[in-house]
Amino acid sequence: MYVPRHFAPDDDAVRALLSRPGAADLVTDGPDGPEATLLPFLHDFYVTPAWYAKFKLSQNRPAADVDGVLAGLRAAGERADADLVEAHRRGPGGPDTT
């Protein structure tokens, strides 16, 4: 995300913020109106494909986004998580797309 230089915090300010437990709401425009997703403040954190997939499951995403998550999970050897995303995509009693 672009932040103008005069609004950007320095590294020490970011470390101070992230050294305390905290979170923020990411507000996006969903199909039924605004949606808020609680995001923890984390510093130097690697987002695993599994975590990303679980985050995506909570959102109504375009098919191309879900396809990208599935490809990433499979490439990383995360078959169980890929199966979970596929099952969520199909929904209860939905067609099998695998």
PDB file of N, CA and C in Angstrom:
ATOM      1  N   MET A   1       0.842  -1.163   0.000  1.00  0.00           N
ATOM      2  CA  MET A   1       0.000   0.000   0.000  1.00  0.00           C
ATOM      3  C   MET A   1       0.896   1.238   0.000  1.00  0.00           C
ATOM      4  N   TYR A   2       0.558   2.189  -0.839  1.00  0.00           N
ATOM      5  CA  TYR A   2       1.327   3.430  -0.916  1.00  0.00           C
ATOM      6  C   TYR A   2       0.991   4.321   0.272  1.00  0.00           C
ATOM      7  N   VAL A   3       2.028   4.828   0.917  1.00  0.00           N
ATOM      8  CA  VAL A   3       1.867   5.793   2.007  1.00  0.00           C
ATOM      9  C   VAL A   3       2.777   6.972   1.686  1.00  0.00           C
ATOM     10  N   PRO A   4       2.205   8.180   1.564  1.00  0.00           N
ATOM     11  CA  PRO A   4       3.052   9.346   1.305  1.00  0.00           C
ATOM     12  C   PRO A   4       4.136   9.477   2.375  1.00  0.00           C
ATOM     13  N   ARG A   5       5.311   9.884   1.950  1.00  0.00           N
ATOM     14  CA  ARG A   5       6.471   9.957   2.856  1.00  0.00           C
ATOM     15  C   ARG A   5       6.157  10.733   4.136  1.00  0.00           C
ATOM     16  N   HIS A   6       5.392  11.821   4.043  1.00  0.00           N
ATOM     17  CA  HIS A   6       5.139  12.620   5.244  1.00  0.00           C
ATOM     18  C   HIS A   6       4.177  11.932   6.217  1.00  0.00           C
ATOM     19  N   PHE A   7       3.509  10.846   5.799  1.00  0.00           N
ATOM     20  CA  PHE A   7       2.664  10.081   6.703  1.00  0.00           C
ATOM     21  C   PHE A   7       3.329   8.780   7.156  1.00  0.00           C
ATOM     22  N   ALA A   8       4.413   8.393   6.516  1.00  0.00           N
ATOM     23  CA  ALA A   8       5.052   7.104   6.798  1.00  0.00           C
ATOM     24  C   ALA A   8       5.777   7.136   8.146  1.00  0.00           C
ATOM     25  N   PRO A   9       5.520   6.142   9.001  1.00  0.00           N
ATOM     26  CA  PRO A   9       6.252   6.087  10.269  1.00  0.00           C
ATOM     27  C   PRO A   9       7.669   5.573  10.033  1.00  0.00           C
ATOM     28  N   ASP A  10       8.582   5.938  10.935  1.00  0.00           N
ATOM     29  CA  ASP A  10       9.938   5.401  10.810  1.00  0.00           C
ATOM     30  C   ASP A  10       9.972   3.991  11.413  1.00  0.00           C
ATOM     31  N   ASP A  11      11.075   3.276  11.215  1.00  0.00           N
ATOM     32  CA  ASP A  11      11.185   1.885  11.671  1.00  0.00           C
ATOM     33  C   ASP A  11      10.994   1.746  13.178  1.00  0.00           C
ATOM     34  N   ASP A  12      11.523   2.689  13.943  1.00  0.00           N
ATOM     35  CA  ASP A  12      11.384   2.608  15.405  1.00  0.00           C
ATOM     36  C   ASP A  12       9.908   2.719  15.819  1.00  0.00           C
ATOM     37  N   ALA A  13       9.159   3.582  15.162  1.00  0.00           N
ATOM     38  CA  ALA A  13       7.732   3.728  15.488  1.00  0.00           C
ATOM     39  C   ALA A  13       6.957   2.455  15.143  1.00  0.00           C
ATOM     40  N   VAL A  14       7.304   1.833  14.028  1.00  0.00           N
ATOM     41  CA  VAL A  14       6.642   0.582  13.637  1.00  0.00           C
ATOM     42  C   VAL A  14       6.972  -0.520  14.637  1.00  0.00           C
ATOM     43  N   ARG A  15       8.237  -0.641  15.017  1.00  0.00           N
ATOM     44  CA  ARG A  15       8.622  -1.666  16.005  1.00  0.00           C
ATOM     45  C   ARG A  15       7.901  -1.438  17.332  1.00  0.00           C
ATOM     46  N   ALA A  16       7.798  -0.195  17.757  1.00  0.00           N
ATOM     47  CA  ALA A  16       7.110   0.103  19.018  1.00  0.00           C
ATOM     48  C   ALA A  16       5.635  -0.295  18.946  1.00  0.00           C
ATOM     49  N   LEU A  17       4.993   0.005  17.834  1.00  0.00           N
ATOM     50  CA  LEU A  17       3.581  -0.362  17.670  1.00  0.00           C
ATOM     51  C   LEU A  17       3.407  -1.876  17.684  1.00  0.00           C
ATOM     52  N   LEU A  18       4.283  -2.576  16.959  1.00  0.00           N
ATOM     53  CA  LEU A  18       4.127  -4.015  16.801  1.00  0.00           C
ATOM     54  C   LEU A  18       4.675  -4.828  17.962  1.00  0.00           C
ATOM     55  N   SER A  19       5.340  -4.177  18.902  1.00  0.00           N
ATOM     56  CA  SER A  19       5.854  -4.885  20.067  1.00  0.00           C
ATOM     57  C   SER A  19       4.759  -5.145  21.094  1.00  0.00           C
ATOM     58  N   ARG A  20       3.629  -4.492  20.948  1.00  0.00           N
ATOM     59  CA  ARG A  20       2.487  -4.674  21.853  1.00  0.00           C
ATOM     60  C   ARG A  20       1.415  -5.479  21.128  1.00  0.00           C
ATOM     61  N   PRO A  21       0.668  -6.294  21.861  1.00  0.00           N
ATOM     62  CA  PRO A  21      -0.449  -6.982  21.205  1.00  0.00           C
ATOM     63  C   PRO A  21      -1.424  -5.959  20.640  1.00  0.00           C
ATOM     64  N   GLY A  22      -1.939  -6.234  19.475  1.00  0.00           N
ATOM     65  CA  GLY A  22      -2.888  -5.312  18.877  1.00  0.00           C
ATOM     66  C   GLY A  22      -3.441  -5.856  17.582  1.00  0.00           C
ATOM     67  N   ALA A  23      -4.441  -5.182  17.092  1.00  0.00           N
ATOM     68  CA  ALA A  23      -5.081  -5.599  15.846  1.00  0.00           C
ATOM     69  C   ALA A  23      -5.784  -4.400  15.233  1.00  0.00           C
ATOM     70  N   ALA A  24      -6.199  -4.588  14.008  1.00  0.00           N
ATOM     71  CA  ALA A  24      -6.936  -3.548  13.295  1.00  0.00           C
ATOM     72  C   ALA A  24      -8.005  -4.220  12.441  1.00  0.00           C
ATOM     73  N   ASP A  25      -8.963  -3.454  12.027  1.00  0.00           N
ATOM     74  CA  ASP A  25      -9.984  -3.950  11.108  1.00  0.00           C
ATOM     75  C   ASP A  25      -9.656  -3.486   9.700  1.00  0.00           C
ATOM     76  N   LEU A  26      -9.623  -4.441   8.768  1.00  0.00           N
ATOM     77  CA  LEU A  26      -9.490  -4.130   7.351  1.00  0.00           C
ATOM     78  C   LEU A  26     -10.906  -4.117   6.795  1.00  0.00           C
ATOM     79  N   VAL A  27     -11.354  -2.977   6.314  1.00  0.00           N
ATOM     80  CA  VAL A  27     -12.717  -2.849   5.798  1.00  0.00           C
ATOM     81  C   VAL A  27     -12.664  -2.870   4.277  1.00  0.00           C
ATOM     82  N   THR A  28     -13.431  -3.785   3.697  1.00  0.00           N
ATOM     83  CA  THR A  28     -13.494  -3.924   2.247  1.00  0.00           C
ATOM     84  C   THR A  28     -14.948  -3.854   1.805  1.00  0.00           C
ATOM     85  N   ASP A  29     -15.138  -3.606   0.530  1.00  0.00           N
ATOM     86  CA  ASP A  29     -16.479  -3.524  -0.033  1.00  0.00           C
ATOM     87  C   ASP A  29     -16.877  -4.910  -0.532  1.00  0.00           C
ATOM     88  N   GLY A  30     -17.723  -5.601   0.210  1.00  0.00           N
ATOM     89  CA  GLY A  30     -18.174  -6.931  -0.167  1.00  0.00           C
ATOM     90  C   GLY A  30     -19.444  -6.866  -0.993  1.00  0.00           C
ATOM     91  N   PRO A  31     -19.890  -8.017  -1.486  1.00  0.00           N
ATOM     92  CA  PRO A  31     -21.094  -8.050  -2.326  1.00  0.00           C
ATOM     93  C   PRO A  31     -22.352  -7.601  -1.588  1.00  0.00           C
ATOM     94  N   ASP A  32     -22.349  -7.739  -0.257  1.00  0.00           N
ATOM     95  CA  ASP A  32     -23.507  -7.331   0.540  1.00  0.00           C
ATOM     96  C   ASP A  32     -23.240  -6.066   1.340  1.00  0.00           C
ATOM     97  N   GLY A  33     -22.216  -5.312   0.946  1.00  0.00           N
ATOM     98  CA  GLY A  33     -21.867  -4.089   1.661  1.00  0.00           C
ATOM     99  C   GLY A  33     -20.519  -4.229   2.343  1.00  0.00           C
ATOM    100  N   PRO A  34     -20.175  -3.281   3.206  1.00  0.00           N
ATOM    101  CA  PRO A  34     -18.869  -3.308   3.863  1.00  0.00           C
ATOM    102  C   PRO A  34     -18.675  -4.571   4.706  1.00  0.00           C
ATOM    103  N   GLU A  35     -17.441  -5.101   4.673  1.00  0.00           N
ATOM    104  CA  GLU A  35     -17.061  -6.251   5.480  1.00  0.00           C
ATOM    105  C   GLU A  35     -15.807  -5.887   6.252  1.00  0.00           C
ATOM    106  N   ALA A  36     -15.751  -6.257   7.521  1.00  0.00           N
ATOM    107  CA  ALA A  36     -14.572  -5.994   8.349  1.00  0.00           C
ATOM    108  C   ALA A  36     -13.878  -7.311   8.676  1.00  0.00           C
ATOM    109  N   THR A  37     -12.568  -7.333   8.481  1.00  0.00           N
ATOM    110  CA  THR A  37     -11.759  -8.501   8.795  1.00  0.00           C
ATOM    111  C   THR A  37     -10.745  -8.090   9.851  1.00  0.00           C
ATOM    112  N   LEU A  38     -10.736  -8.790  10.984  1.00  0.00           N
ATOM    113  CA  LEU A  38      -9.799  -8.499  12.058  1.00  0.00           C
ATOM    114  C   LEU A  38      -8.411  -9.001  11.661  1.00  0.00           C
ATOM    115  N   LEU A  39      -7.430  -8.115  11.676  1.00  0.00           N
ATOM    116  CA  LEU A  39      -6.060  -8.474  11.325  1.00  0.00           C
ATOM    117  C   LEU A  39      -5.140  -8.171  12.504  1.00  0.00           C
ATOM    118  N   PRO A  40      -4.380  -9.171  12.952  1.00  0.00           N
ATOM    119  CA  PRO A  40      -3.423  -8.907  14.034  1.00  0.00           C
ATOM    120  C   PRO A  40      -2.239  -8.107  13.511  1.00  0.00           C
ATOM    121  N   PHE A  41      -1.646  -7.307  14.382  1.00  0.00           N
ATOM    122  CA  PHE A  41      -0.410  -6.616  14.047  1.00  0.00           C
ATOM    123  C   PHE A  41       0.733  -7.604  14.243  1.00  0.00           C
ATOM    124  N   LEU A  42       1.487  -7.843  13.197  1.00  0.00           N
ATOM    125  CA  LEU A  42       2.616  -8.766  13.257  1.00  0.00           C
ATOM    126  C   LEU A  42       3.807  -8.129  12.566  1.00  0.00           C
ATOM    127  N   HIS A  43       4.988  -8.403  13.074  1.00  0.00           N
ATOM    128  CA  HIS A  43       6.198  -7.839  12.496  1.00  0.00           C
ATOM    129  C   HIS A  43       7.110  -8.976  12.060  1.00  0.00           C
ATOM    130  N   ASP A  44       7.667  -8.871  10.853  1.00  0.00           N
ATOM    131  CA  ASP A  44       8.535  -9.917  10.309  1.00  0.00           C
ATOM    132  C   ASP A  44       7.850 -11.274  10.368  1.00  0.00           C
ATOM    133  N   PHE A  45       6.639 -11.344   9.854  1.00  0.00           N
ATOM    134  CA  PHE A  45       5.827 -12.552   9.920  1.00  0.00           C
ATOM    135  C   PHE A  45       5.660 -13.132   8.531  1.00  0.00           C
ATOM    136  N   TYR A  46       5.929 -14.423   8.392  1.00  0.00           N
ATOM    137  CA  TYR A  46       5.734 -15.102   7.117  1.00  0.00           C
ATOM    138  C   TYR A  46       4.320 -15.645   7.067  1.00  0.00           C
ATOM    139  N   VAL A  47       3.571 -15.264   6.049  1.00  0.00           N
ATOM    140  CA  VAL A  47       2.209 -15.757   5.878  1.00  0.00           C
ATOM    141  C   VAL A  47       2.287 -17.046   5.083  1.00  0.00           C
ATOM    142  N   THR A  48       1.958 -18.155   5.732  1.00  0.00           N
ATOM    143  CA  THR A  48       2.026 -19.449   5.076  1.00  0.00           C
ATOM    144  C   THR A  48       0.868 -19.602   4.095  1.00  0.00           C
ATOM    145  N   PRO A  49       1.021 -20.445   3.091  1.00  0.00           N
ATOM    146  CA  PRO A  49      -0.098 -20.699   2.178  1.00  0.00           C
ATOM    147  C   PRO A  49      -1.348 -21.179   2.920  1.00  0.00           C
ATOM    148  N   ALA A  50      -1.167 -21.973   3.964  1.00  0.00           N
ATOM    149  CA  ALA A  50      -2.316 -22.481   4.719  1.00  0.00           C
ATOM    150  C   ALA A  50      -3.067 -21.340   5.400  1.00  0.00           C
ATOM    151  N   TRP A  51      -2.336 -20.413   6.023  1.00  0.00           N
ATOM    152  CA  TRP A  51      -3.001 -19.298   6.683  1.00  0.00           C
ATOM    153  C   TRP A  51      -3.736 -18.448   5.659  1.00  0.00           C
ATOM    154  N   TYR A  52      -3.083 -18.199   4.533  1.00  0.00           N
ATOM    155  CA  TYR A  52      -3.689 -17.382   3.489  1.00  0.00           C
ATOM    156  C   TYR A  52      -4.963 -18.029   2.964  1.00  0.00           C
ATOM    157  N   ALA A  53      -4.919 -19.353   2.785  1.00  0.00           N
ATOM    158  CA  ALA A  53      -6.104 -20.074   2.296  1.00  0.00           C
ATOM    159  C   ALA A  53      -7.249 -19.950   3.282  1.00  0.00           C
ATOM    160  N   LYS A  54      -6.951 -20.087   4.549  1.00  0.00           N
ATOM    161  CA  LYS A  54      -8.012 -19.986   5.554  1.00  0.00           C
ATOM    162  C   LYS A  54      -8.589 -18.575   5.590  1.00  0.00           C
ATOM    163  N   PHE A  55      -7.731 -17.570   5.391  1.00  0.00           N
ATOM    164  CA  PHE A  55      -8.218 -16.197   5.322  1.00  0.00           C
ATOM    165  C   PHE A  55      -9.143 -16.023   4.122  1.00  0.00           C
ATOM    166  N   LYS A  56      -8.745 -16.575   2.983  1.00  0.00           N
ATOM    167  CA  LYS A  56      -9.549 -16.462   1.768  1.00  0.00           C
ATOM    168  C   LYS A  56     -10.897 -17.155   1.915  1.00  0.00           C
ATOM    169  N   LEU A  57     -10.951 -18.221   2.722  1.00  0.00           N
ATOM    170  CA  LEU A  57     -12.217 -18.927   2.902  1.00  0.00           C
ATOM    171  C   LEU A  57     -13.271 -18.033   3.542  1.00  0.00           C
ATOM    172  N   SER A  58     -12.828 -17.021   4.275  1.00  0.00           N
ATOM    173  CA  SER A  58     -13.784 -16.165   4.965  1.00  0.00           C
ATOM    174  C   SER A  58     -14.287 -15.035   4.071  1.00  0.00           C
ATOM    175  N   GLN A  59     -13.870 -15.002   2.830  1.00  0.00           N
ATOM    176  CA  GLN A  59     -14.257 -13.914   1.939  1.00  0.00           C
ATOM    177  C   GLN A  59     -14.922 -14.450   0.686  1.00  0.00           C
ATOM    178  N   ASN A  60     -15.725 -13.621   0.101  1.00  0.00           N
ATOM    179  CA  ASN A  60     -16.344 -13.952  -1.174  1.00  0.00           C
ATOM    180  C   ASN A  60     -15.401 -13.428  -2.261  1.00  0.00           C
ATOM    181  N   ARG A  61     -14.581 -14.328  -2.819  1.00  0.00           N
ATOM    182  CA  ARG A  61     -13.524 -13.937  -3.744  1.00  0.00           C
ATOM    183  C   ARG A  61     -13.822 -14.409  -5.157  1.00  0.00           C
ATOM    184  N   PRO A  62     -13.315 -13.710  -6.161  1.00  0.00           N
ATOM    185  CA  PRO A  62     -13.461 -14.171  -7.546  1.00  0.00           C
ATOM    186  C   PRO A  62     -12.789 -15.531  -7.738  1.00  0.00           C
ATOM    187  N   ALA A  63     -13.288 -16.289  -8.705  1.00  0.00           N
ATOM    188  CA  ALA A  63     -12.759 -17.629  -8.965  1.00  0.00           C
ATOM    189  C   ALA A  63     -11.259 -17.600  -9.239  1.00  0.00           C
ATOM    190  N   ALA A  64     -10.760 -16.575  -9.925  1.00  0.00           N
ATOM    191  CA  ALA A  64      -9.330 -16.491 -10.236  1.00  0.00           C
ATOM    192  C   ALA A  64      -8.491 -16.399  -8.959  1.00  0.00           C
ATOM    193  N   ASP A  65      -8.981 -15.693  -7.941  1.00  0.00           N
ATOM    194  CA  ASP A  65      -8.260 -15.605  -6.674  1.00  0.00           C
ATOM    195  C   ASP A  65      -8.185 -16.970  -6.002  1.00  0.00           C
ATOM    196  N   VAL A  66      -9.313 -17.667  -5.985  1.00  0.00           N
ATOM    197  CA  VAL A  66      -9.349 -18.988  -5.368  1.00  0.00           C
ATOM    198  C   VAL A  66      -8.445 -19.948  -6.141  1.00  0.00           C
ATOM    199  N   ASP A  67      -8.448 -19.858  -7.477  1.00  0.00           N
ATOM    200  CA  ASP A  67      -7.563 -20.694  -8.284  1.00  0.00           C
ATOM    201  C   ASP A  67      -6.098 -20.444  -7.923  1.00  0.00           C
ATOM    202  N   GLY A  68      -5.745 -19.188  -7.705  1.00  0.00           N
ATOM    203  CA  GLY A  68      -4.373 -18.849  -7.323  1.00  0.00           C
ATOM    204  C   GLY A  68      -4.005 -19.425  -5.972  1.00  0.00           C
ATOM    205  N   VAL A  69      -4.925 -19.365  -5.020  1.00  0.00           N
ATOM    206  CA  VAL A  69      -4.680 -19.952  -3.702  1.00  0.00           C
ATOM    207  C   VAL A  69      -4.483 -21.453  -3.834  1.00  0.00           C
ATOM    208  N   LEU A  70      -5.344 -22.105  -4.604  1.00  0.00           N
ATOM    209  CA  LEU A  70      -5.232 -23.548  -4.799  1.00  0.00           C
ATOM    210  C   LEU A  70      -3.887 -23.920  -5.437  1.00  0.00           C
ATOM    211  N   ALA A  71      -3.485 -23.181  -6.447  1.00  0.00           N
ATOM    212  CA  ALA A  71      -2.211 -23.455  -7.112  1.00  0.00           C
ATOM    213  C   ALA A  71      -1.042 -23.295  -6.137  1.00  0.00           C
ATOM    214  N   GLY A  72      -1.089 -22.250  -5.334  1.00  0.00           N
ATOM    215  CA  GLY A  72      -0.029 -22.023  -4.354  1.00  0.00           C
ATOM    216  C   GLY A  72       0.035 -23.110  -3.304  1.00  0.00           C
ATOM    217  N   LEU A  73      -1.120 -23.535  -2.816  1.00  0.00           N
ATOM    218  CA  LEU A  73      -1.148 -24.601  -1.825  1.00  0.00           C
ATOM    219  C   LEU A  73      -0.602 -25.910  -2.399  1.00  0.00           C
ATOM    220  N   ARG A  74      -1.031 -26.228  -3.595  1.00  0.00           N
ATOM    221  CA  ARG A  74      -0.564 -27.477  -4.213  1.00  0.00           C
ATOM    222  C   ARG A  74       0.944 -27.422  -4.484  1.00  0.00           C
ATOM    223  N   ALA A  75       1.430 -26.278  -4.946  1.00  0.00           N
ATOM    224  CA  ALA A  75       2.866 -26.135  -5.215  1.00  0.00           C
ATOM    225  C   ALA A  75       3.687 -26.275  -3.931  1.00  0.00           C
ATOM    226  N   ALA A  76       3.102 -25.859  -2.807  1.00  0.00           N
ATOM    227  CA  ALA A  76       3.798 -25.944  -1.526  1.00  0.00           C
ATOM    228  C   ALA A  76       3.605 -27.295  -0.841  1.00  0.00           C
ATOM    229  N   GLY A  77       2.871 -28.202  -1.498  1.00  0.00           N
ATOM    230  CA  GLY A  77       2.643 -29.518  -0.911  1.00  0.00           C
ATOM    231  C   GLY A  77       1.594 -29.534   0.177  1.00  0.00           C
ATOM    232  N   GLU A  78       0.759 -28.507   0.223  1.00  0.00           N
ATOM    233  CA  GLU A  78      -0.279 -28.376   1.250  1.00  0.00           C
ATOM    234  C   GLU A  78      -1.592 -28.969   0.741  1.00  0.00           C
ATOM    235  N   ARG A  79      -1.592 -30.256   0.456  1.00  0.00           N
ATOM    236  CA  ARG A  79      -2.753 -30.910  -0.156  1.00  0.00           C
ATOM    237  C   ARG A  79      -4.006 -30.832   0.725  1.00  0.00           C
ATOM    238  N   ALA A  80      -3.858 -31.032   2.028  1.00  0.00           N
ATOM    239  CA  ALA A  80      -5.026 -31.000   2.920  1.00  0.00           C
ATOM    240  C   ALA A  80      -5.698 -29.634   2.884  1.00  0.00           C
ATOM    241  N   ASP A  81      -4.897 -28.580   2.882  1.00  0.00           N
ATOM    242  CA  ASP A  81      -5.477 -27.236   2.837  1.00  0.00           C
ATOM    243  C   ASP A  81      -6.101 -26.950   1.474  1.00  0.00           C
ATOM    244  N   ALA A  82      -5.480 -27.457   0.396  1.00  0.00           N
ATOM    245  CA  ALA A  82      -6.067 -27.298  -0.938  1.00  0.00           C
ATOM    246  C   ALA A  82      -7.418 -28.006  -0.999  1.00  0.00           C
ATOM    247  N   ASP A  83      -7.488 -29.199  -0.402  1.00  0.00           N
ATOM    248  CA  ASP A  83      -8.762 -29.929  -0.369  1.00  0.00           C
ATOM    249  C   ASP A  83      -9.822 -29.149   0.409  1.00  0.00           C
ATOM    250  N   LEU A  84      -9.416 -28.490   1.486  1.00  0.00           N
ATOM    251  CA  LEU A  84     -10.343 -27.684   2.277  1.00  0.00           C
ATOM    252  C   LEU A  84     -10.900 -26.529   1.453  1.00  0.00           C
ATOM    253  N   VAL A  85     -10.024 -25.856   0.705  1.00  0.00           N
ATOM    254  CA  VAL A  85     -10.477 -24.747  -0.146  1.00  0.00           C
ATOM    255  C   VAL A  85     -11.430 -25.264  -1.217  1.00  0.00           C
ATOM    256  N   GLU A  86     -11.099 -26.399  -1.830  1.00  0.00           N
ATOM    257  CA  GLU A  86     -11.976 -26.982  -2.856  1.00  0.00           C
ATOM    258  C   GLU A  86     -13.345 -27.314  -2.268  1.00  0.00           C
ATOM    259  N   ALA A  87     -13.363 -27.913  -1.089  1.00  0.00           N
ATOM    260  CA  ALA A  87     -14.634 -28.272  -0.457  1.00  0.00           C
ATOM    261  C   ALA A  87     -15.462 -27.028  -0.167  1.00  0.00           C
ATOM    262  N   HIS A  88     -14.789 -25.968   0.281  1.00  0.00           N
ATOM    263  CA  HIS A  88     -15.512 -24.726   0.562  1.00  0.00           C
ATOM    264  C   HIS A  88     -16.070 -24.132  -0.727  1.00  0.00           C
ATOM    265  N   ARG A  89     -15.298 -24.219  -1.794  1.00  0.00           N
ATOM    266  CA  ARG A  89     -15.737 -23.698  -3.091  1.00  0.00           C
ATOM    267  C   ARG A  89     -16.987 -24.422  -3.563  1.00  0.00           C
ATOM    268  N   ARG A  90     -17.009 -25.735  -3.421  1.00  0.00           N
ATOM    269  CA  ARG A  90     -18.171 -26.524  -3.846  1.00  0.00           C
ATOM    270  C   ARG A  90     -19.393 -26.250  -3.002  1.00  0.00           C
ATOM    271  N   GLY A  91     -19.169 -26.001  -1.714  1.00  0.00           N
ATOM    272  CA  GLY A  91     -20.293 -25.794  -0.808  1.00  0.00           C
ATOM    273  C   GLY A  91     -20.972 -27.112  -0.496  1.00  0.00           C
ATOM    274  N   PRO A  92     -21.944 -27.073   0.402  1.00  0.00           N
ATOM    275  CA  PRO A  92     -22.628 -28.306   0.779  1.00  0.00           C
ATOM    276  C   PRO A  92     -23.369 -28.902  -0.415  1.00  0.00           C
ATOM    277  N   GLY A  93     -22.994 -30.106  -0.785  1.00  0.00           N
ATOM    278  CA  GLY A  93     -23.687 -30.794  -1.873  1.00  0.00           C
ATOM    279  C   GLY A  93     -23.383 -30.246  -3.246  1.00  0.00           C
ATOM    280  N   GLY A  94     -22.375 -29.350  -3.346  1.00  0.00           N
ATOM    281  CA  GLY A  94     -22.035 -28.743  -4.633  1.00  0.00           C
ATOM    282  C   GLY A  94     -21.293 -29.704  -5.518  1.00  0.00           C
ATOM    283  N   PRO A  95     -21.122 -29.352  -6.783  1.00  0.00           N
ATOM    284  CA  PRO A  95     -20.423 -30.237  -7.708  1.00  0.00           C
ATOM    285  C   PRO A  95     -18.945 -30.350  -7.367  1.00  0.00           C
ATOM    286  N   ASP A  96     -18.389 -31.506  -7.623  1.00  0.00           N
ATOM    287  CA  ASP A  96     -16.970 -31.732  -7.407  1.00  0.00           C
ATOM    288  C   ASP A  96     -16.203 -31.155  -8.591  1.00  0.00           C
ATOM    289  N   THR A  97     -15.334 -30.151  -8.344  1.00  0.00           N
ATOM    290  CA  THR A  97     -14.603 -29.494  -9.426  1.00  0.00           C
ATOM    291  C   THR A  97     -13.154 -29.943  -9.500  1.00  0.00           C
ATOM    292  N   THR A  98     -12.767 -30.953  -8.702  1.00  0.00           N
ATOM    293  CA  THR A  98     -11.363 -31.392  -8.734  1.00  0.00           C
ATOM    294  C   THR A  98     -11.167 -32.446  -9.786  1.00  0.00           C
TER     295      THR A  98
END
